[in-house]
Structure formats: C-alpha cells, structure tokens
Amino acid sequence: MENYKPTTDDGKTAGIISYFTLIGWLIAYFALYTNNKTPLASYHMRQTLLFHLVSILISWIAGFIIGMAFVTSGIFIGASILWIIRLGLLVIWIIGLIGAINGERKPMPLIGEPAQNMFSGI
C-alpha cells in the first residue's frame, strides 16, 4: 500500500483506443474524449483520425488500380505492391500506438505533423 499512487486519466486511454479502427476512434472520441479533453488525447485523436482516413483512401485507390491491372494483364505483382503499402501503414500505426502507450506525443511518420495542423480543432 505504500507505493500506491492514485492515478488520473491524462487522456492516454482515449489516445490508445483511437488507434483501433475508425470505430475505435469514434468510441474514444464520444465516450472518453468529450468529457476529458487533454493535450495528450487531442494529439493522438488528431493523428489517428488522419491515419484512418488516409488508410481507407489508400486501400480503395490501390485496390481499384491493382484490380484493374489484374483484370487487364493478369499480372499478380499488384497484390505484392498492395501488401508492401499495407506493411508500411502497419509500421506507421505501430510507431504511433507505442507513443500513445508510453504517454508520449510522438508524431507518426508522414502523418503526425500534418494531422496536428489539419485537425487543430480537435
């Protein structure tokens, strides 16, 4: 009992949950963030919103382009390119999630800084 320190949520929970799909972002925003707006939660909420939107957009565009290439030429290299893109997104996502778990405001590569400017109202 001597080492017990009562803790308060500094927004870390909302930040972590926001990394798990767009639905997780919505849950974090409405259930945790709206009543407890902290700088840490705001930071991660902004960058995960842009990450989810970019991921969806890239998946749609890449899927369409690769699908058309496959239909027209029958070449399977498009699937490999799509997996490389997805692997890159996974690495970016892991970097951001680790930052949220550690309670740091560490920007995700390519996404973190633009997200802070684009969604400054969050």
C-alpha atoms as a PDB file:
ATOM      1  CA  MET A   1       0.000   0.000   0.000  1.00  0.00           C
ATOM      2  CA  GLU A   2       2.939   2.378   0.473  1.00  0.00           C
ATOM      3  CA  ASN A   3       3.675   2.587  -3.236  1.00  0.00           C
ATOM      4  CA  TYR A   4       0.063   3.132  -4.245  1.00  0.00           C
ATOM      5  CA  LYS A   5      -0.466   6.329  -6.187  1.00  0.00           C
ATOM      6  CA  PRO A   6      -3.941   7.273  -7.288  1.00  0.00           C
ATOM      7  CA  THR A   7      -3.888   7.976 -10.988  1.00  0.00           C
ATOM      8  CA  THR A   8      -5.999  10.120 -13.186  1.00  0.00           C
ATOM      9  CA  ASP A   9      -6.502   9.511 -16.846  1.00  0.00           C
ATOM     10  CA  ASP A  10      -4.441  12.089 -18.672  1.00  0.00           C
ATOM     11  CA  GLY A  11      -6.047  11.151 -21.974  1.00  0.00           C
ATOM     12  CA  LYS A  12      -3.844   8.142 -22.523  1.00  0.00           C
ATOM     13  CA  THR A  13      -6.784   5.725 -22.673  1.00  0.00           C
ATOM     14  CA  ALA A  14      -8.607   7.740 -25.330  1.00  0.00           C
ATOM     15  CA  GLY A  15      -5.384   8.016 -27.300  1.00  0.00           C
ATOM     16  CA  ILE A  16      -4.756   4.286 -27.226  1.00  0.00           C
ATOM     17  CA  ILE A  17      -8.322   3.291 -28.116  1.00  0.00           C
ATOM     18  CA  SER A  18      -8.349   5.736 -31.040  1.00  0.00           C
ATOM     19  CA  TYR A  19      -5.705   3.636 -32.803  1.00  0.00           C
ATOM     20  CA  PHE A  20      -8.043   0.656 -33.170  1.00  0.00           C
ATOM     21  CA  THR A  21     -10.030   1.291 -36.363  1.00  0.00           C
ATOM     22  CA  LEU A  22     -12.261   4.207 -37.158  1.00  0.00           C
ATOM     23  CA  ILE A  23     -14.907   2.709 -34.876  1.00  0.00           C
ATOM     24  CA  GLY A  24     -12.375   2.725 -32.028  1.00  0.00           C
ATOM     25  CA  TRP A  25     -11.675   6.374 -32.817  1.00  0.00           C
ATOM     26  CA  LEU A  26     -15.391   7.192 -32.596  1.00  0.00           C
ATOM     27  CA  ILE A  27     -15.718   5.335 -29.295  1.00  0.00           C
ATOM     28  CA  ALA A  28     -12.670   7.113 -27.889  1.00  0.00           C
ATOM     29  CA  TYR A  29     -13.951  10.490 -29.063  1.00  0.00           C
ATOM     30  CA  PHE A  30     -17.528  10.260 -27.800  1.00  0.00           C
ATOM     31  CA  ALA A  31     -17.069   8.055 -24.726  1.00  0.00           C
ATOM     32  CA  LEU A  32     -13.750   9.294 -23.361  1.00  0.00           C
ATOM     33  CA  TYR A  33     -12.526  12.450 -25.046  1.00  0.00           C
ATOM     34  CA  THR A  34     -15.508  14.806 -24.998  1.00  0.00           C
ATOM     35  CA  ASN A  35     -15.604  14.858 -21.185  1.00  0.00           C
ATOM     36  CA  ASN A  36     -11.833  14.767 -20.643  1.00  0.00           C
ATOM     37  CA  LYS A  37     -10.046  16.861 -23.269  1.00  0.00           C
ATOM     38  CA  THR A  38      -6.350  16.697 -22.544  1.00  0.00           C
ATOM     39  CA  PRO A  39      -3.374  17.685 -24.708  1.00  0.00           C
ATOM     40  CA  LEU A  40      -2.222  14.053 -24.970  1.00  0.00           C
ATOM     41  CA  ALA A  41      -5.633  12.766 -26.043  1.00  0.00           C
ATOM     42  CA  SER A  42      -6.052  15.632 -28.514  1.00  0.00           C
ATOM     43  CA  TYR A  43      -2.677  14.899 -30.059  1.00  0.00           C
ATOM     44  CA  HIS A  44      -3.380  11.214 -30.637  1.00  0.00           C
ATOM     45  CA  MET A  45      -7.001  11.768 -31.670  1.00  0.00           C
ATOM     46  CA  ARG A  46      -5.869  14.142 -34.421  1.00  0.00           C
ATOM     47  CA  GLN A  47      -3.187  11.901 -35.836  1.00  0.00           C
ATOM     48  CA  THR A  48      -5.249   8.714 -35.701  1.00  0.00           C
ATOM     49  CA  LEU A  49      -8.141  10.414 -37.469  1.00  0.00           C
ATOM     50  CA  LEU A  50      -5.887  11.351 -40.378  1.00  0.00           C
ATOM     51  CA  PHE A  51      -4.242   7.915 -40.303  1.00  0.00           C
ATOM     52  CA  HIS A  52      -7.603   6.123 -40.567  1.00  0.00           C
ATOM     53  CA  LEU A  53      -8.797   8.386 -43.371  1.00  0.00           C
ATOM     54  CA  VAL A  54      -5.538   8.004 -45.324  1.00  0.00           C
ATOM     55  CA  SER A  55      -5.561   4.217 -44.807  1.00  0.00           C
ATOM     56  CA  ILE A  56      -9.094   3.917 -46.145  1.00  0.00           C
ATOM     57  CA  LEU A  57      -8.321   6.140 -49.119  1.00  0.00           C
ATOM     58  CA  ILE A  58      -5.110   4.279 -49.978  1.00  0.00           C
ATOM     59  CA  SER A  59      -6.856   0.913 -49.708  1.00  0.00           C
ATOM     60  CA  TRP A  60      -9.640   1.986 -52.045  1.00  0.00           C
ATOM     61  CA  ILE A  61      -7.344   3.571 -54.609  1.00  0.00           C
ATOM     62  CA  ALA A  62      -4.748   0.792 -54.515  1.00  0.00           C
ATOM     63  CA  GLY A  63      -7.441  -1.872 -54.650  1.00  0.00           C
ATOM     64  CA  PHE A  64      -9.025  -0.259 -57.688  1.00  0.00           C
ATOM     65  CA  ILE A  65      -5.737   0.230 -59.542  1.00  0.00           C
ATOM     66  CA  ILE A  66      -4.470  -3.243 -58.732  1.00  0.00           C
ATOM     67  CA  GLY A  67      -7.811  -4.776 -59.615  1.00  0.00           C
ATOM     68  CA  MET A  68      -7.788  -3.065 -62.992  1.00  0.00           C
ATOM     69  CA  ALA A  69      -4.183  -4.129 -63.627  1.00  0.00           C
ATOM     70  CA  PHE A  70      -5.037  -7.722 -62.772  1.00  0.00           C
ATOM     71  CA  VAL A  71      -8.109  -7.764 -64.989  1.00  0.00           C
ATOM     72  CA  THR A  72      -6.298  -6.260 -67.954  1.00  0.00           C
ATOM     73  CA  SER A  73      -2.968  -8.061 -67.722  1.00  0.00           C
ATOM     74  CA  GLY A  74      -3.331 -10.937 -65.290  1.00  0.00           C
ATOM     75  CA  ILE A  75      -0.141  -9.904 -63.507  1.00  0.00           C
ATOM     76  CA  PHE A  76      -0.026 -10.613 -59.782  1.00  0.00           C
ATOM     77  CA  ILE A  77       2.618  -8.007 -58.943  1.00  0.00           C
ATOM     78  CA  GLY A  78      -0.129  -5.578 -57.950  1.00  0.00           C
ATOM     79  CA  ALA A  79      -1.012  -7.740 -54.965  1.00  0.00           C
ATOM     80  CA  SER A  80       2.596  -7.579 -53.809  1.00  0.00           C
ATOM     81  CA  ILE A  81       2.597  -3.812 -54.070  1.00  0.00           C
ATOM     82  CA  LEU A  82      -0.615  -3.631 -52.048  1.00  0.00           C
ATOM     83  CA  TRP A  83       0.940  -5.783 -49.301  1.00  0.00           C
ATOM     84  CA  ILE A  84       4.010  -3.535 -49.195  1.00  0.00           C
ATOM     85  CA  ILE A  85       1.760  -0.496 -48.783  1.00  0.00           C
ATOM     86  CA  ARG A  86      -0.193  -2.220 -46.031  1.00  0.00           C
ATOM     87  CA  LEU A  87       3.026  -3.235 -44.279  1.00  0.00           C
ATOM     88  CA  GLY A  88       4.181   0.394 -44.391  1.00  0.00           C
ATOM     89  CA  LEU A  89       0.876   1.529 -42.877  1.00  0.00           C
ATOM     90  CA  LEU A  90       1.212  -1.117 -40.171  1.00  0.00           C
ATOM     91  CA  VAL A  91       4.692   0.142 -39.249  1.00  0.00           C
ATOM     92  CA  ILE A  92       3.418   3.740 -39.062  1.00  0.00           C
ATOM     93  CA  TRP A  93       0.472   2.575 -36.934  1.00  0.00           C
ATOM     94  CA  ILE A  94       2.732   0.651 -34.522  1.00  0.00           C
ATOM     95  CA  ILE A  95       5.008   3.681 -34.065  1.00  0.00           C
ATOM     96  CA  GLY A  96       2.010   5.834 -33.174  1.00  0.00           C
ATOM     97  CA  LEU A  97       0.470   3.223 -30.870  1.00  0.00           C
ATOM     98  CA  ILE A  98       3.730   2.779 -28.955  1.00  0.00           C
ATOM     99  CA  GLY A  99       3.868   6.538 -28.468  1.00  0.00           C
ATOM    100  CA  ALA A 100       0.313   6.537 -27.094  1.00  0.00           C
ATOM    101  CA  ILE A 101       1.022   3.607 -24.767  1.00  0.00           C
ATOM    102  CA  ASN A 102       4.092   5.404 -23.434  1.00  0.00           C
ATOM    103  CA  GLY A 103       2.126   8.630 -22.975  1.00  0.00           C
ATOM    104  CA  GLU A 104       4.318  10.497 -25.468  1.00  0.00           C
ATOM    105  CA  ARG A 105       3.357  12.983 -28.116  1.00  0.00           C
ATOM    106  CA  LYS A 106       5.483  11.298 -30.765  1.00  0.00           C
ATOM    107  CA  PRO A 107       4.343  12.001 -34.330  1.00  0.00           C
ATOM    108  CA  MET A 108       3.571   9.173 -36.713  1.00  0.00           C
ATOM    109  CA  PRO A 109       5.875   9.326 -39.758  1.00  0.00           C
ATOM    110  CA  LEU A 110       4.352  11.272 -42.673  1.00  0.00           C
ATOM    111  CA  ILE A 111       1.030  11.723 -40.841  1.00  0.00           C
ATOM    112  CA  GLY A 112       1.640  13.165 -37.379  1.00  0.00           C
ATOM    113  CA  GLU A 113       2.586  16.754 -38.193  1.00  0.00           C
ATOM    114  CA  PRO A 114       0.023  17.347 -40.983  1.00  0.00           C
ATOM    115  CA  ALA A 115      -2.699  15.921 -38.734  1.00  0.00           C
ATOM    116  CA  GLN A 116      -1.905  18.433 -35.994  1.00  0.00           C
ATOM    117  CA  ASN A 117      -2.432  21.274 -38.480  1.00  0.00           C
ATOM    118  CA  MET A 118      -5.423  19.832 -40.324  1.00  0.00           C
ATOM    119  CA  PHE A 119      -7.456  18.907 -37.244  1.00  0.00           C
ATOM    120  CA  SER A 120      -6.381  21.632 -34.830  1.00  0.00           C
ATOM    121  CA  GLY A 121      -9.987  21.984 -33.646  1.00  0.00           C
ATOM    122  CA  ILE A 122      -9.964  18.550 -32.024  1.00  0.00           C
END
